[in-house]
Amino acid sequence: MSPEMFIEFIGLLATVGIAAFTVIRVARLFAHRSQTPSTDIVERLEVLERTLRNVQQELVETQERLDFTERLLSTAREGRRIGG
């Protein structure tokens, strides 16, 4: 085996070894993480859900107001066309 091939082999071996080590570490982290979320996370999610419901309700109300305003403006325009 030539010295160049040996150096390339060592480089390849080191690269594969580092990648394998990283994959093993990540797999261990995932295996040991808690399956149930903490109470802090649960509380924060509940607050987010309530906030989202409030925003959705406000959006519905805003859409209803916009529809009403569009109908009102449309009626006023029609009245001006007809009444001249």
PDB file of N, CA and C in Angstrom:
ATOM      1  N   MET A   1       0.851  -1.164   0.000  1.00  0.00           N
ATOM      2  CA  MET A   1       0.000   0.000   0.000  1.00  0.00           C
ATOM      3  C   MET A   1       0.901   1.232   0.000  1.00  0.00           C
ATOM      4  N   SER A   2       0.597   2.159  -0.916  1.00  0.00           N
ATOM      5  CA  SER A   2       1.411   3.371  -1.019  1.00  0.00           C
ATOM      6  C   SER A   2       1.087   4.319   0.142  1.00  0.00           C
ATOM      7  N   PRO A   3       2.006   5.202   0.466  1.00  0.00           N
ATOM      8  CA  PRO A   3       1.776   6.149   1.568  1.00  0.00           C
ATOM      9  C   PRO A   3       0.571   7.067   1.325  1.00  0.00           C
ATOM     10  N   GLU A   4       0.337   7.429   0.056  1.00  0.00           N
ATOM     11  CA  GLU A   4      -0.802   8.289  -0.251  1.00  0.00           C
ATOM     12  C   GLU A   4      -2.123   7.575   0.027  1.00  0.00           C
ATOM     13  N   MET A   5      -2.187   6.306  -0.365  1.00  0.00           N
ATOM     14  CA  MET A   5      -3.400   5.523  -0.125  1.00  0.00           C
ATOM     15  C   MET A   5      -3.614   5.311   1.372  1.00  0.00           C
ATOM     16  N   PHE A   6      -2.530   5.096   2.087  1.00  0.00           N
ATOM     17  CA  PHE A   6      -2.623   4.896   3.529  1.00  0.00           C
ATOM     18  C   PHE A   6      -3.177   6.156   4.204  1.00  0.00           C
ATOM     19  N   ILE A   7      -2.700   7.326   3.797  1.00  0.00           N
ATOM     20  CA  ILE A   7      -3.176   8.595   4.365  1.00  0.00           C
ATOM     21  C   ILE A   7      -4.651   8.808   4.023  1.00  0.00           C
ATOM     22  N   GLU A   8      -5.026   8.492   2.782  1.00  0.00           N
ATOM     23  CA  GLU A   8      -6.424   8.607   2.388  1.00  0.00           C
ATOM     24  C   GLU A   8      -7.301   7.647   3.190  1.00  0.00           C
ATOM     25  N   PHE A   9      -6.807   6.430   3.422  1.00  0.00           N
ATOM     26  CA  PHE A   9      -7.537   5.443   4.202  1.00  0.00           C
ATOM     27  C   PHE A   9      -7.738   5.923   5.644  1.00  0.00           C
ATOM     28  N   ILE A  10      -6.697   6.466   6.235  1.00  0.00           N
ATOM     29  CA  ILE A  10      -6.782   6.990   7.600  1.00  0.00           C
ATOM     30  C   ILE A  10      -7.774   8.158   7.656  1.00  0.00           C
ATOM     31  N   GLY A  11      -7.732   9.023   6.664  1.00  0.00           N
ATOM     32  CA  GLY A  11      -8.677  10.148   6.600  1.00  0.00           C
ATOM     33  C   GLY A  11     -10.107   9.668   6.490  1.00  0.00           C
ATOM     34  N   LEU A  12     -10.340   8.681   5.635  1.00  0.00           N
ATOM     35  CA  LEU A  12     -11.669   8.102   5.469  1.00  0.00           C
ATOM     36  C   LEU A  12     -12.133   7.436   6.759  1.00  0.00           C
ATOM     37  N   LEU A  13     -11.242   6.691   7.381  1.00  0.00           N
ATOM     38  CA  LEU A  13     -11.559   6.014   8.633  1.00  0.00           C
ATOM     39  C   LEU A  13     -11.922   7.026   9.724  1.00  0.00           C
ATOM     40  N   ALA A  14     -11.174   8.112   9.805  1.00  0.00           N
ATOM     41  CA  ALA A  14     -11.460   9.151  10.801  1.00  0.00           C
ATOM     42  C   ALA A  14     -12.807   9.810  10.528  1.00  0.00           C
ATOM     43  N   THR A  15     -13.096  10.089   9.270  1.00  0.00           N
ATOM     44  CA  THR A  15     -14.365  10.720   8.908  1.00  0.00           C
ATOM     45  C   THR A  15     -15.540   9.813   9.258  1.00  0.00           C
ATOM     46  N   VAL A  16     -15.440   8.549   8.896  1.00  0.00           N
ATOM     47  CA  VAL A  16     -16.507   7.591   9.203  1.00  0.00           C
ATOM     48  C   VAL A  16     -16.645   7.419  10.715  1.00  0.00           C
ATOM     49  N   GLY A  17     -15.537   7.380  11.417  1.00  0.00           N
ATOM     50  CA  GLY A  17     -15.578   7.230  12.870  1.00  0.00           C
ATOM     51  C   GLY A  17     -16.255   8.404  13.548  1.00  0.00           C
ATOM     52  N   ILE A  18     -15.935   9.626  13.122  1.00  0.00           N
ATOM     53  CA  ILE A  18     -16.561  10.820  13.700  1.00  0.00           C
ATOM     54  C   ILE A  18     -18.053  10.830  13.401  1.00  0.00           C
ATOM     55  N   ALA A  19     -18.433  10.498  12.172  1.00  0.00           N
ATOM     56  CA  ALA A  19     -19.851  10.462  11.816  1.00  0.00           C
ATOM     57  C   ALA A  19     -20.591   9.408  12.640  1.00  0.00           C
ATOM     58  N   ALA A  20     -20.008   8.228  12.795  1.00  0.00           N
ATOM     59  CA  ALA A  20     -20.646   7.168  13.574  1.00  0.00           C
ATOM     60  C   ALA A  20     -20.783   7.586  15.035  1.00  0.00           C
ATOM     61  N   PHE A  21     -19.758   8.195  15.588  1.00  0.00           N
ATOM     62  CA  PHE A  21     -19.800   8.664  16.970  1.00  0.00           C
ATOM     63  C   PHE A  21     -20.923   9.684  17.151  1.00  0.00           C
ATOM     64  N   THR A  22     -21.051  10.607  16.198  1.00  0.00           N
ATOM     65  CA  THR A  22     -22.100  11.626  16.272  1.00  0.00           C
ATOM     66  C   THR A  22     -23.481  10.995  16.198  1.00  0.00           C
ATOM     67  N   VAL A  23     -23.680  10.066  15.285  1.00  0.00           N
ATOM     68  CA  VAL A  23     -24.974   9.394  15.153  1.00  0.00           C
ATOM     69  C   VAL A  23     -25.322   8.646  16.440  1.00  0.00           C
ATOM     70  N   ILE A  24     -24.376   7.980  17.025  1.00  0.00           N
ATOM     71  CA  ILE A  24     -24.621   7.240  18.272  1.00  0.00           C
ATOM     72  C   ILE A  24     -25.004   8.201  19.393  1.00  0.00           C
ATOM     73  N   ARG A  25     -24.312   9.331  19.501  1.00  0.00           N
ATOM     74  CA  ARG A  25     -24.626  10.316  20.554  1.00  0.00           C
ATOM     75  C   ARG A  25     -26.043  10.858  20.377  1.00  0.00           C
ATOM     76  N   VAL A  26     -26.397  11.206  19.158  1.00  0.00           N
ATOM     77  CA  VAL A  26     -27.739  11.735  18.894  1.00  0.00           C
ATOM     78  C   VAL A  26     -28.793  10.682  19.192  1.00  0.00           C
ATOM     79  N   ALA A  27     -28.556   9.442  18.805  1.00  0.00           N
ATOM     80  CA  ALA A  27     -29.506   8.363  19.080  1.00  0.00           C
ATOM     81  C   ALA A  27     -29.686   8.174  20.580  1.00  0.00           C
ATOM     82  N   ARG A  28     -28.618   8.253  21.334  1.00  0.00           N
ATOM     83  CA  ARG A  28     -28.727   8.128  22.799  1.00  0.00           C
ATOM     84  C   ARG A  28     -29.520   9.280  23.397  1.00  0.00           C
ATOM     85  N   LEU A  29     -29.315  10.488  22.885  1.00  0.00           N
ATOM     86  CA  LEU A  29     -30.077  11.634  23.384  1.00  0.00           C
ATOM     87  C   LEU A  29     -31.567  11.450  23.142  1.00  0.00           C
ATOM     88  N   PHE A  30     -31.919  10.986  21.954  1.00  0.00           N
ATOM     89  CA  PHE A  30     -33.321  10.754  21.651  1.00  0.00           C
ATOM     90  C   PHE A  30     -33.891   9.618  22.490  1.00  0.00           C
ATOM     91  N   ALA A  31     -33.115   8.593  22.742  1.00  0.00           N
ATOM     92  CA  ALA A  31     -33.598   7.450  23.509  1.00  0.00           C
ATOM     93  C   ALA A  31     -33.835   7.810  24.966  1.00  0.00           C
ATOM     94  N   HIS A  32     -33.061   8.743  25.506  1.00  0.00           N
ATOM     95  CA  HIS A  32     -33.164   9.078  26.916  1.00  0.00           C
ATOM     96  C   HIS A  32     -34.014  10.310  27.213  1.00  0.00           C
ATOM     97  N   ARG A  33     -34.570  10.930  26.197  1.00  0.00           N
ATOM     98  CA  ARG A  33     -35.384  12.110  26.467  1.00  0.00           C
ATOM     99  C   ARG A  33     -36.727  11.684  27.061  1.00  0.00           C
ATOM    100  N   SER A  34     -37.316  12.601  27.774  1.00  0.00           N
ATOM    101  CA  SER A  34     -38.587  12.330  28.452  1.00  0.00           C
ATOM    102  C   SER A  34     -39.708  12.254  27.420  1.00  0.00           C
ATOM    103  N   GLN A  35     -40.571  11.281  27.585  1.00  0.00           N
ATOM    104  CA  GLN A  35     -41.680  11.113  26.655  1.00  0.00           C
ATOM    105  C   GLN A  35     -42.857  12.017  27.007  1.00  0.00           C
ATOM    106  N   THR A  36     -42.989  12.394  28.283  1.00  0.00           N
ATOM    107  CA  THR A  36     -44.071  13.276  28.686  1.00  0.00           C
ATOM    108  C   THR A  36     -43.521  14.690  28.840  1.00  0.00           C
ATOM    109  N   PRO A  37     -44.222  15.666  28.294  1.00  0.00           N
ATOM    110  CA  PRO A  37     -43.738  17.039  28.394  1.00  0.00           C
ATOM    111  C   PRO A  37     -43.832  17.553  29.830  1.00  0.00           C
ATOM    112  N   SER A  38     -42.999  18.500  30.167  1.00  0.00           N
ATOM    113  CA  SER A  38     -43.000  19.061  31.512  1.00  0.00           C
ATOM    114  C   SER A  38     -44.257  19.897  31.727  1.00  0.00           C
ATOM    115  N   THR A  39     -44.564  20.160  32.994  1.00  0.00           N
ATOM    116  CA  THR A  39     -45.761  20.945  33.302  1.00  0.00           C
ATOM    117  C   THR A  39     -45.641  22.356  32.739  1.00  0.00           C
ATOM    118  N   ASP A  40     -44.433  22.890  32.712  1.00  0.00           N
ATOM    119  CA  ASP A  40     -44.228  24.221  32.143  1.00  0.00           C
ATOM    120  C   ASP A  40     -44.615  24.243  30.671  1.00  0.00           C
ATOM    121  N   ILE A  41     -44.211  23.231  29.950  1.00  0.00           N
ATOM    122  CA  ILE A  41     -44.530  23.159  28.519  1.00  0.00           C
ATOM    123  C   ILE A  41     -46.030  22.988  28.320  1.00  0.00           C
ATOM    124  N   VAL A  42     -46.651  22.148  29.141  1.00  0.00           N
ATOM    125  CA  VAL A  42     -48.101  21.938  29.038  1.00  0.00           C
ATOM    126  C   VAL A  42     -48.840  23.248  29.297  1.00  0.00           C
ATOM    127  N   GLU A  43     -48.437  23.973  30.329  1.00  0.00           N
ATOM    128  CA  GLU A  43     -49.082  25.252  30.646  1.00  0.00           C
ATOM    129  C   GLU A  43     -48.910  26.248  29.514  1.00  0.00           C
ATOM    130  N   ARG A  44     -47.709  26.310  28.957  1.00  0.00           N
ATOM    131  CA  ARG A  44     -47.457  27.241  27.859  1.00  0.00           C
ATOM    132  C   ARG A  44     -48.294  26.871  26.628  1.00  0.00           C
ATOM    133  N   LEU A  45     -48.452  25.584  26.359  1.00  0.00           N
ATOM    134  CA  LEU A  45     -49.283  25.159  25.232  1.00  0.00           C
ATOM    135  C   LEU A  45     -50.743  25.519  25.454  1.00  0.00           C
ATOM    136  N   GLU A  46     -51.212  25.359  26.686  1.00  0.00           N
ATOM    137  CA  GLU A  46     -52.601  25.721  26.994  1.00  0.00           C
ATOM    138  C   GLU A  46     -52.833  27.212  26.806  1.00  0.00           C
ATOM    139  N   VAL A  47     -51.875  28.025  27.234  1.00  0.00           N
ATOM    140  CA  VAL A  47     -51.986  29.478  27.039  1.00  0.00           C
ATOM    141  C   VAL A  47     -51.999  29.797  25.550  1.00  0.00           C
ATOM    142  N   LEU A  48     -51.134  29.151  24.791  1.00  0.00           N
ATOM    143  CA  LEU A  48     -51.107  29.377  23.341  1.00  0.00           C
ATOM    144  C   LEU A  48     -52.423  28.975  22.683  1.00  0.00           C
ATOM    145  N   GLU A  49     -53.001  27.858  23.115  1.00  0.00           N
ATOM    146  CA  GLU A  49     -54.275  27.417  22.547  1.00  0.00           C
ATOM    147  C   GLU A  49     -55.389  28.410  22.856  1.00  0.00           C
ATOM    148  N   ARG A  50     -55.437  28.906  24.106  1.00  0.00           N
ATOM    149  CA  ARG A  50     -56.451  29.898  24.459  1.00  0.00           C
ATOM    150  C   ARG A  50     -56.260  31.179  23.643  1.00  0.00           C
ATOM    151  N   THR A  51     -55.019  31.601  23.518  1.00  0.00           N
ATOM    152  CA  THR A  51     -54.726  32.804  22.752  1.00  0.00           C
ATOM    153  C   THR A  51     -55.137  32.627  21.291  1.00  0.00           C
ATOM    154  N   LEU A  52     -54.837  31.466  20.728  1.00  0.00           N
ATOM    155  CA  LEU A  52     -55.208  31.195  19.343  1.00  0.00           C
ATOM    156  C   LEU A  52     -56.722  31.210  19.167  1.00  0.00           C
ATOM    157  N   ARG A  53     -57.452  30.612  20.116  1.00  0.00           N
ATOM    158  CA  ARG A  53     -58.922  30.637  20.030  1.00  0.00           C
ATOM    159  C   ARG A  53     -59.439  32.070  20.080  1.00  0.00           C
ATOM    160  N   ASN A  54     -58.849  32.910  20.947  1.00  0.00           N
ATOM    161  CA  ASN A  54     -59.260  34.310  21.027  1.00  0.00           C
ATOM    162  C   ASN A  54     -58.989  35.049  19.727  1.00  0.00           C
ATOM    163  N   VAL A  55     -57.831  34.809  19.143  1.00  0.00           N
ATOM    164  CA  VAL A  55     -57.490  35.456  17.877  1.00  0.00           C
ATOM    165  C   VAL A  55     -58.437  34.988  16.772  1.00  0.00           C
ATOM    166  N   GLN A  56     -58.769  33.703  16.763  1.00  0.00           N
ATOM    167  CA  GLN A  56     -59.707  33.188  15.759  1.00  0.00           C
ATOM    168  C   GLN A  56     -61.074  33.847  15.915  1.00  0.00           C
ATOM    169  N   GLN A  57     -61.534  34.004  17.163  1.00  0.00           N
ATOM    170  CA  GLN A  57     -62.822  34.641  17.412  1.00  0.00           C
ATOM    171  C   GLN A  57     -62.792  36.101  16.963  1.00  0.00           C
ATOM    172  N   GLU A  58     -61.707  36.802  17.270  1.00  0.00           N
ATOM    173  CA  GLU A  58     -61.575  38.194  16.832  1.00  0.00           C
ATOM    174  C   GLU A  58     -61.563  38.284  15.311  1.00  0.00           C
ATOM    175  N   LEU A  59     -60.935  37.323  14.657  1.00  0.00           N
ATOM    176  CA  LEU A  59     -60.896  37.317  13.195  1.00  0.00           C
ATOM    177  C   LEU A  59     -62.294  37.117  12.619  1.00  0.00           C
ATOM    178  N   VAL A  60     -63.071  36.219  13.219  1.00  0.00           N
ATOM    179  CA  VAL A  60     -64.448  35.992  12.769  1.00  0.00           C
ATOM    180  C   VAL A  60     -65.257  37.284  12.918  1.00  0.00           C
ATOM    181  N   GLU A  61     -65.122  37.936  14.075  1.00  0.00           N
ATOM    182  CA  GLU A  61     -65.858  39.183  14.301  1.00  0.00           C
ATOM    183  C   GLU A  61     -65.426  40.266  13.327  1.00  0.00           C
ATOM    184  N   THR A  62     -64.146  40.357  13.058  1.00  0.00           N
ATOM    185  CA  THR A  62     -63.643  41.351  12.109  1.00  0.00           C
ATOM    186  C   THR A  62     -64.169  41.077  10.711  1.00  0.00           C
ATOM    187  N   GLN A  63     -64.222  39.806  10.328  1.00  0.00           N
ATOM    188  CA  GLN A  63     -64.748  39.445   9.006  1.00  0.00           C
ATOM    189  C   GLN A  63     -66.229  39.806   8.895  1.00  0.00           C
ATOM    190  N   GLU A  64     -66.981  39.578   9.979  1.00  0.00           N
ATOM    191  CA  GLU A  64     -68.401  39.941   9.966  1.00  0.00           C
ATOM    192  C   GLU A  64     -68.572  41.450   9.818  1.00  0.00           C
ATOM    193  N   ARG A  65     -67.741  42.219  10.504  1.00  0.00           N
ATOM    194  CA  ARG A  65     -67.811  43.677  10.390  1.00  0.00           C
ATOM    195  C   ARG A  65     -67.444  44.136   8.986  1.00  0.00           C
ATOM    196  N   LEU A  66     -66.433  43.502   8.412  1.00  0.00           N
ATOM    197  CA  LEU A  66     -66.028  43.848   7.053  1.00  0.00           C
ATOM    198  C   LEU A  66     -67.156  43.540   6.067  1.00  0.00           C
ATOM    199  N   ASP A  67     -67.782  42.375   6.207  1.00  0.00           N
ATOM    200  CA  ASP A  67     -68.904  42.019   5.334  1.00  0.00           C
ATOM    201  C   ASP A  67     -70.034  43.041   5.468  1.00  0.00           C
ATOM    202  N   PHE A  68     -70.352  43.417   6.717  1.00  0.00           N
ATOM    203  CA  PHE A  68     -71.406  44.399   6.951  1.00  0.00           C
ATOM    204  C   PHE A  68     -71.062  45.728   6.281  1.00  0.00           C
ATOM    205  N   THR A  69     -69.813  46.178   6.453  1.00  0.00           N
ATOM    206  CA  THR A  69     -69.382  47.449   5.866  1.00  0.00           C
ATOM    207  C   THR A  69     -69.442  47.389   4.346  1.00  0.00           C
ATOM    208  N   GLU A  70     -69.029  46.269   3.764  1.00  0.00           N
ATOM    209  CA  GLU A  70     -69.096  46.130   2.306  1.00  0.00           C
ATOM    210  C   GLU A  70     -70.536  46.184   1.819  1.00  0.00           C
ATOM    211  N   ARG A  71     -71.454  45.525   2.533  1.00  0.00           N
ATOM    212  CA  ARG A  71     -72.870  45.567   2.148  1.00  0.00           C
ATOM    213  C   ARG A  71     -73.419  46.983   2.269  1.00  0.00           C
ATOM    214  N   LEU A  72     -73.061  47.681   3.340  1.00  0.00           N
ATOM    215  CA  LEU A  72     -73.520  49.045   3.569  1.00  0.00           C
ATOM    216  C   LEU A  72     -73.014  49.972   2.465  1.00  0.00           C
ATOM    217  N   LEU A  73     -71.749  49.863   2.111  1.00  0.00           N
ATOM    218  CA  LEU A  73     -71.195  50.692   1.044  1.00  0.00           C
ATOM    219  C   LEU A  73     -71.824  50.358  -0.305  1.00  0.00           C
ATOM    220  N   SER A  74     -72.047  49.078  -0.536  1.00  0.00           N
ATOM    221  CA  SER A  74     -72.657  48.661  -1.790  1.00  0.00           C
ATOM    222  C   SER A  74     -74.071  49.226  -1.896  1.00  0.00           C
ATOM    223  N   THR A  75     -74.828  49.198  -0.804  1.00  0.00           N
ATOM    224  CA  THR A  75     -76.191  49.726  -0.787  1.00  0.00           C
ATOM    225  C   THR A  75     -76.166  51.235  -1.030  1.00  0.00           C
ATOM    226  N   ALA A  76     -75.221  51.932  -0.410  1.00  0.00           N
ATOM    227  CA  ALA A  76     -75.122  53.381  -0.594  1.00  0.00           C
ATOM    228  C   ALA A  76     -74.787  53.725  -2.043  1.00  0.00           C
ATOM    229  N   ARG A  77     -73.916  52.950  -2.657  1.00  0.00           N
ATOM    230  CA  ARG A  77     -73.559  53.207  -4.076  1.00  0.00           C
ATOM    231  C   ARG A  77     -74.770  52.978  -4.989  1.00  0.00           C
ATOM    232  N   GLU A  78     -75.485  51.890  -4.711  1.00  0.00           N
ATOM    233  CA  GLU A  78     -76.666  51.588  -5.519  1.00  0.00           C
ATOM    234  C   GLU A  78     -77.717  52.691  -5.363  1.00  0.00           C
ATOM    235  N   GLY A  79     -77.868  53.192  -4.135  1.00  0.00           N
ATOM    236  CA  GLY A  79     -78.839  54.263  -3.899  1.00  0.00           C
ATOM    237  C   GLY A  79     -78.474  55.521  -4.659  1.00  0.00           C
ATOM    238  N   ARG A  80     -77.189  55.837  -4.737  1.00  0.00           N
ATOM    239  CA  ARG A  80     -76.751  57.026  -5.489  1.00  0.00           C
ATOM    240  C   ARG A  80     -76.969  56.845  -6.989  1.00  0.00           C
ATOM    241  N   ARG A  81     -76.776  55.621  -7.469  1.00  0.00           N
ATOM    242  CA  ARG A  81     -76.974  55.371  -8.907  1.00  0.00           C
ATOM    243  C   ARG A  81     -78.454  55.492  -9.265  1.00  0.00           C
ATOM    244  N   ILE A  82     -79.278  54.896  -8.402  1.00  0.00           N
ATOM    245  CA  ILE A  82     -80.719  54.896  -8.680  1.00  0.00           C
ATOM    246  C   ILE A  82     -81.305  56.298  -8.454  1.00  0.00           C
ATOM    247  N   GLY A  83     -80.951  56.915  -7.316  1.00  0.00           N
ATOM    248  CA  GLY A  83     -81.499  58.214  -6.960  1.00  0.00           C
ATOM    249  C   GLY A  83     -80.871  59.360  -7.716  1.00  0.00           C
ATOM    250  N   GLY A  84     -79.692  59.093  -8.223  1.00  0.00           N
ATOM    251  CA  GLY A  84     -79.001  60.002  -9.077  1.00  0.00           C
ATOM    252  C   GLY A  84     -78.614  61.269  -8.557  1.00  0.00           C
TER     253      GLY A  84
END
